[in-house]
Amino acid sequence: MFTKTAAFYDAIYAARGKDYAAEAAWLRAAYRSIARPGSRLLDVACGTGMHLSELRADFAVEGLDADSAMIAVARERLPGVPLHVERMQDFSTDGRFTIVQCLFSSIGYVANEAELRATIARFASVLEPGGMLVVEPWNTPAQWYDDRGAVFVDRPDLKIARMSTNERYGTTSVVRYEYLVGEPSGISSFAETHVLQLFDEGQYRGAFTAAGLRVREERTDLFARGLYIGTKP
């Protein structure tokens, strides 16, 4: 995952213009229809904990991520918040939650449609009746296009150039990153490869329905790929 770059993750996405505060404000408004102040919220694939830091004043938040380096950054940001190194496919939890969210297209890391269904079912199983599941999808096959990109961080004590290329093999997308990082201690370079599956709308909706959730799709400029929102009867 992002094990080599967890320390630079927030700087890179700040340079890309990701607005966690605005995203959290949108989510907070959506959650008010089913949650009270202090309701339990689980952020699956929480990364460095940026969404949790914005939502912790309103909810009893908890997070998990498969990448221990990301959780280490999140623990520094969120002292006292329960954070776990676990996979989204088979995590354990103590009790149920009013809200489960899985954002930033992390759901794309599941291996295939069967695992997508099993993972959504796992999310649904820890929701209390009337609870809400929010999933931000990865690209669909119809949305995909091969591309090259670059992000640059230019701070007094940190310089980063991240170059990326992506490719598609059937319904599997492969994103390759090359990093050049300058710090006071010196210059380093390294690479990461990410493999994500391309599911279509029917597969996402089918997974929610099979898990016993009523599902709808929301479109907003804040979440470019939309959101799937499921409620548990």
Protein backbone atom coordinates (compact mmCIF):
# COMPACT_ATOMS: atom_id res chain seq x y z
CA MET A 1 0.00 0.00 0.00
CA PHE A 2 1.42 3.38 1.06
CA THR A 3 3.90 1.95 3.57
CA LYS A 4 6.88 3.78 2.03
CA THR A 5 5.04 7.09 1.67
CA ALA A 6 2.69 7.35 4.66
CA ALA A 7 4.76 10.22 6.09
CA PHE A 8 4.28 12.18 2.83
CA TYR A 9 0.67 11.22 2.11
CA ASP A 10 -1.01 14.28 3.61
CA ALA A 11 1.42 16.70 1.94
CA ILE A 12 0.80 15.10 -1.46
CA TYR A 13 -2.98 15.26 -1.23
CA ALA A 14 -2.88 18.80 0.16
CA ALA A 15 -0.94 19.69 -2.98
CA ARG A 16 -3.65 18.01 -5.05
CA GLY A 17 -6.29 20.15 -3.33
CA LYS A 18 -8.13 17.46 -1.40
CA ASP A 19 -10.45 19.24 1.04
CA TYR A 20 -11.08 16.94 4.00
CA ALA A 21 -12.93 19.64 5.93
CA ALA A 22 -15.44 20.19 3.12
CA GLU A 23 -15.91 16.45 2.60
CA ALA A 24 -16.48 15.92 6.32
CA ALA A 25 -19.00 18.77 6.41
CA TRP A 26 -20.97 17.11 3.59
CA LEU A 27 -20.86 13.75 5.37
CA ARG A 28 -21.80 15.28 8.72
CA ALA A 29 -24.93 16.81 7.15
CA ALA A 30 -25.85 13.45 5.59
CA TYR A 31 -25.38 11.62 8.88
CA ARG A 32 -27.63 13.97 10.85
CA SER A 33 -30.70 12.22 9.42
CA ILE A 34 -29.87 8.97 11.25
CA ALA A 35 -27.31 9.84 13.95
CA ARG A 36 -27.27 11.73 17.23
CA PRO A 37 -24.22 13.51 18.67
CA GLY A 38 -21.93 10.84 20.05
CA SER A 39 -23.18 8.06 17.77
CA ARG A 40 -20.53 5.50 16.87
CA LEU A 41 -18.77 5.93 13.52
CA LEU A 42 -16.31 3.49 11.97
CA ASP A 43 -13.97 4.70 9.20
CA VAL A 44 -12.76 1.68 7.22
CA ALA A 45 -9.46 2.28 5.39
CA CYS A 46 -9.08 5.45 7.44
CA GLY A 47 -5.55 6.17 6.21
CA THR A 48 -3.85 8.94 8.18
CA GLY A 49 -7.09 9.81 9.99
CA MET A 50 -7.87 13.11 8.29
CA HIS A 51 -11.62 12.47 7.96
CA LEU A 52 -11.74 11.17 11.54
CA SER A 53 -10.03 14.33 12.81
CA GLU A 54 -12.82 16.38 11.24
CA LEU A 55 -15.65 14.16 12.53
CA ARG A 56 -14.48 13.28 16.04
CA ALA A 57 -16.16 16.31 17.63
CA ASP A 58 -19.56 15.04 16.49
CA PHE A 59 -19.27 11.26 16.77
CA ALA A 60 -17.57 8.53 18.78
CA VAL A 61 -15.10 7.68 16.04
CA GLU A 62 -13.00 4.59 15.40
CA GLY A 63 -10.81 3.62 12.47
CA LEU A 64 -9.01 0.75 10.80
CA ASP A 65 -6.56 0.37 7.95
CA ALA A 66 -4.51 -2.51 6.58
CA ASP A 67 -1.39 -0.32 6.37
CA SER A 68 0.40 -0.09 9.73
CA ALA A 69 2.41 2.95 8.62
CA MET A 70 -0.79 4.88 7.87
CA ILE A 71 -2.23 3.92 11.26
CA ALA A 72 0.98 5.12 12.93
CA VAL A 73 0.44 8.58 11.42
CA ALA A 74 -3.24 8.49 12.41
CA ARG A 75 -2.35 7.61 16.03
CA GLU A 76 -0.15 10.69 16.30
CA ARG A 77 -3.00 12.81 14.96
CA LEU A 78 -5.76 11.19 17.03
CA PRO A 79 -4.59 10.31 20.54
CA GLY A 80 -7.24 8.36 22.40
CA VAL A 81 -9.15 7.29 19.27
CA PRO A 82 -9.37 3.50 18.80
CA LEU A 83 -7.40 2.65 15.65
CA HIS A 84 -6.69 -0.84 14.35
CA VAL A 85 -4.43 -2.47 11.78
CA GLU A 86 -6.91 -4.76 10.03
CA ARG A 87 -8.11 -5.59 6.54
CA MET A 88 -11.51 -4.31 5.45
CA GLN A 89 -12.43 -7.80 4.21
CA ASP A 90 -12.36 -9.51 7.61
CA PHE A 91 -11.94 -6.99 10.43
CA SER A 92 -13.26 -7.59 13.93
CA THR A 93 -15.05 -5.02 16.06
CA ASP A 94 -16.55 -4.51 19.47
CA GLY A 95 -20.25 -3.81 19.08
CA ARG A 96 -22.13 -2.04 16.32
CA PHE A 97 -21.99 1.36 14.69
CA THR A 98 -24.55 3.91 13.53
CA ILE A 99 -22.28 4.86 10.61
CA VAL A 100 -19.69 2.92 8.61
CA GLN A 101 -17.78 4.79 5.93
CA CYS A 102 -15.17 3.62 3.41
CA LEU A 103 -13.88 6.59 1.44
CA PHE A 104 -11.25 7.67 -1.11
CA SER A 105 -12.02 4.68 -3.40
CA SER A 106 -10.38 2.22 -0.98
CA ILE A 107 -13.03 -0.38 -1.82
CA GLY A 108 -11.21 -0.87 -5.15
CA TYR A 109 -8.49 -2.84 -3.35
CA VAL A 110 -10.71 -5.91 -2.90
CA ALA A 111 -9.73 -8.78 -5.20
CA ASN A 112 -12.91 -9.53 -7.17
CA GLU A 113 -16.71 -9.31 -7.12
CA ALA A 114 -17.06 -12.14 -4.62
CA GLU A 115 -14.76 -10.30 -2.22
CA LEU A 116 -16.63 -7.05 -2.89
CA ARG A 117 -19.86 -8.71 -1.81
CA ALA A 118 -18.27 -10.29 1.24
CA THR A 119 -16.71 -6.97 2.27
CA ILE A 120 -19.94 -4.99 1.91
CA ALA A 121 -21.69 -7.74 3.88
CA ARG A 122 -19.04 -7.37 6.61
CA PHE A 123 -19.68 -3.62 6.72
CA ALA A 124 -23.43 -4.20 6.95
CA SER A 125 -23.02 -6.76 9.73
CA VAL A 126 -21.57 -4.17 12.12
CA LEU A 127 -24.27 -1.58 11.41
CA GLU A 128 -27.05 -1.15 13.94
CA PRO A 129 -30.64 -1.18 12.61
CA GLY A 130 -31.31 2.13 10.89
CA GLY A 131 -27.57 2.67 10.39
CA MET A 132 -25.86 4.00 7.28
CA LEU A 133 -23.03 2.69 5.10
CA VAL A 134 -21.21 5.14 2.80
CA VAL A 135 -18.78 3.84 0.17
CA GLU A 136 -16.84 5.98 -2.28
CA PRO A 137 -16.19 3.74 -5.31
CA TRP A 138 -13.15 3.42 -7.54
CA ASN A 139 -13.53 3.99 -11.29
CA THR A 140 -15.97 1.85 -13.23
CA PRO A 141 -14.79 0.12 -16.44
CA ALA A 142 -16.66 2.79 -18.44
CA GLN A 143 -14.88 5.62 -16.60
CA TRP A 144 -11.38 4.22 -16.99
CA TYR A 145 -8.75 5.72 -19.25
CA ASP A 146 -4.97 5.20 -19.33
CA ASP A 147 -3.23 8.29 -18.05
CA ARG A 148 -0.03 9.83 -16.74
CA GLY A 149 0.08 12.37 -13.97
CA ALA A 150 2.32 14.38 -11.67
CA VAL A 151 2.02 16.01 -8.25
CA PHE A 152 4.59 18.40 -6.76
CA VAL A 153 5.07 19.46 -3.14
CA ASP A 154 7.20 22.57 -2.62
CA ARG A 155 7.68 23.36 1.05
CA PRO A 156 10.76 24.86 2.73
CA ASP A 157 11.67 21.54 4.38
CA LEU A 158 10.03 19.09 1.95
CA LYS A 159 10.14 18.71 -1.82
CA ILE A 160 8.28 15.90 -3.56
CA ALA A 161 7.73 14.96 -7.18
CA ARG A 162 5.30 12.07 -7.65
CA MET A 163 4.88 10.77 -11.18
CA SER A 164 2.19 8.22 -12.02
CA THR A 165 1.12 5.98 -14.85
CA ASN A 166 -1.85 3.65 -14.99
CA GLU A 167 -2.87 0.69 -17.09
CA ARG A 168 -5.86 -1.58 -17.41
CA TYR A 169 -5.92 -5.36 -17.78
CA GLY A 170 -9.53 -6.44 -18.22
CA THR A 171 -11.31 -5.32 -15.04
CA THR A 172 -8.04 -4.80 -13.13
CA SER A 173 -6.36 -1.40 -12.99
CA VAL A 174 -2.70 -0.96 -12.09
CA VAL A 175 -1.39 2.41 -10.89
CA ARG A 176 2.36 2.88 -10.64
CA TYR A 177 3.93 5.74 -8.67
CA GLU A 178 7.52 6.96 -8.78
CA TYR A 179 8.63 9.33 -5.99
CA LEU A 180 11.55 11.72 -5.68
CA VAL A 181 11.69 13.20 -2.17
CA GLY A 182 13.99 15.92 -0.87
CA GLU A 183 14.32 16.44 2.89
CA PRO A 184 16.91 18.13 5.10
CA SER A 185 18.48 14.69 5.57
CA GLY A 186 18.92 14.13 1.83
CA ILE A 187 17.21 12.96 -1.35
CA SER A 188 15.53 9.57 -1.80
CA SER A 189 13.56 7.83 -4.52
CA PHE A 190 11.25 4.84 -4.50
CA ALA A 191 8.26 3.32 -6.26
CA GLU A 192 4.84 1.86 -5.38
CA THR A 193 2.35 -0.19 -7.36
CA HIS A 194 -1.36 -0.28 -6.54
CA VAL A 195 -3.82 -2.81 -7.97
CA LEU A 196 -7.52 -1.92 -7.88
CA GLN A 197 -10.55 -3.62 -9.39
CA LEU A 198 -12.97 -1.90 -11.75
CA PHE A 199 -16.56 -2.67 -10.71
CA ASP A 200 -19.61 -1.32 -12.50
CA GLU A 201 -22.67 0.28 -10.95
CA GLY A 202 -24.63 -2.98 -11.05
CA GLN A 203 -21.93 -4.79 -9.10
CA TYR A 204 -21.84 -2.13 -6.39
CA ARG A 205 -25.62 -1.98 -6.11
CA GLY A 206 -25.82 -5.78 -6.15
CA ALA A 207 -23.36 -6.01 -3.26
CA PHE A 208 -25.37 -3.56 -1.16
CA THR A 209 -28.66 -5.29 -1.93
CA ALA A 210 -27.22 -8.74 -1.20
CA ALA A 211 -26.09 -7.41 2.20
CA GLY A 212 -29.68 -6.42 3.01
CA LEU A 213 -29.19 -2.68 2.53
CA ARG A 214 -31.37 -0.16 0.72
CA VAL A 215 -28.97 1.61 -1.62
CA ARG A 216 -28.91 4.90 -3.48
CA GLU A 217 -26.22 6.77 -5.36
CA GLU A 218 -25.28 10.38 -4.59
CA ARG A 219 -23.38 12.69 -6.93
CA THR A 220 -21.42 15.66 -5.60
CA ASP A 221 -18.45 17.67 -6.80
CA LEU A 222 -16.64 16.85 -3.56
CA PHE A 223 -16.63 13.12 -4.36
CA ALA A 224 -15.80 12.90 -8.04
CA ARG A 225 -16.78 9.24 -8.41
CA GLY A 226 -19.95 9.62 -6.39
CA LEU A 227 -21.02 7.78 -3.24
CA TYR A 228 -23.07 4.67 -2.64
CA ILE A 229 -25.21 5.10 0.47
CA GLY A 230 -26.89 2.11 2.06
CA THR A 231 -29.29 2.06 4.99
CA LYS A 232 -30.02 -0.96 7.16
CA PRO A 233 -33.70 -1.68 7.79
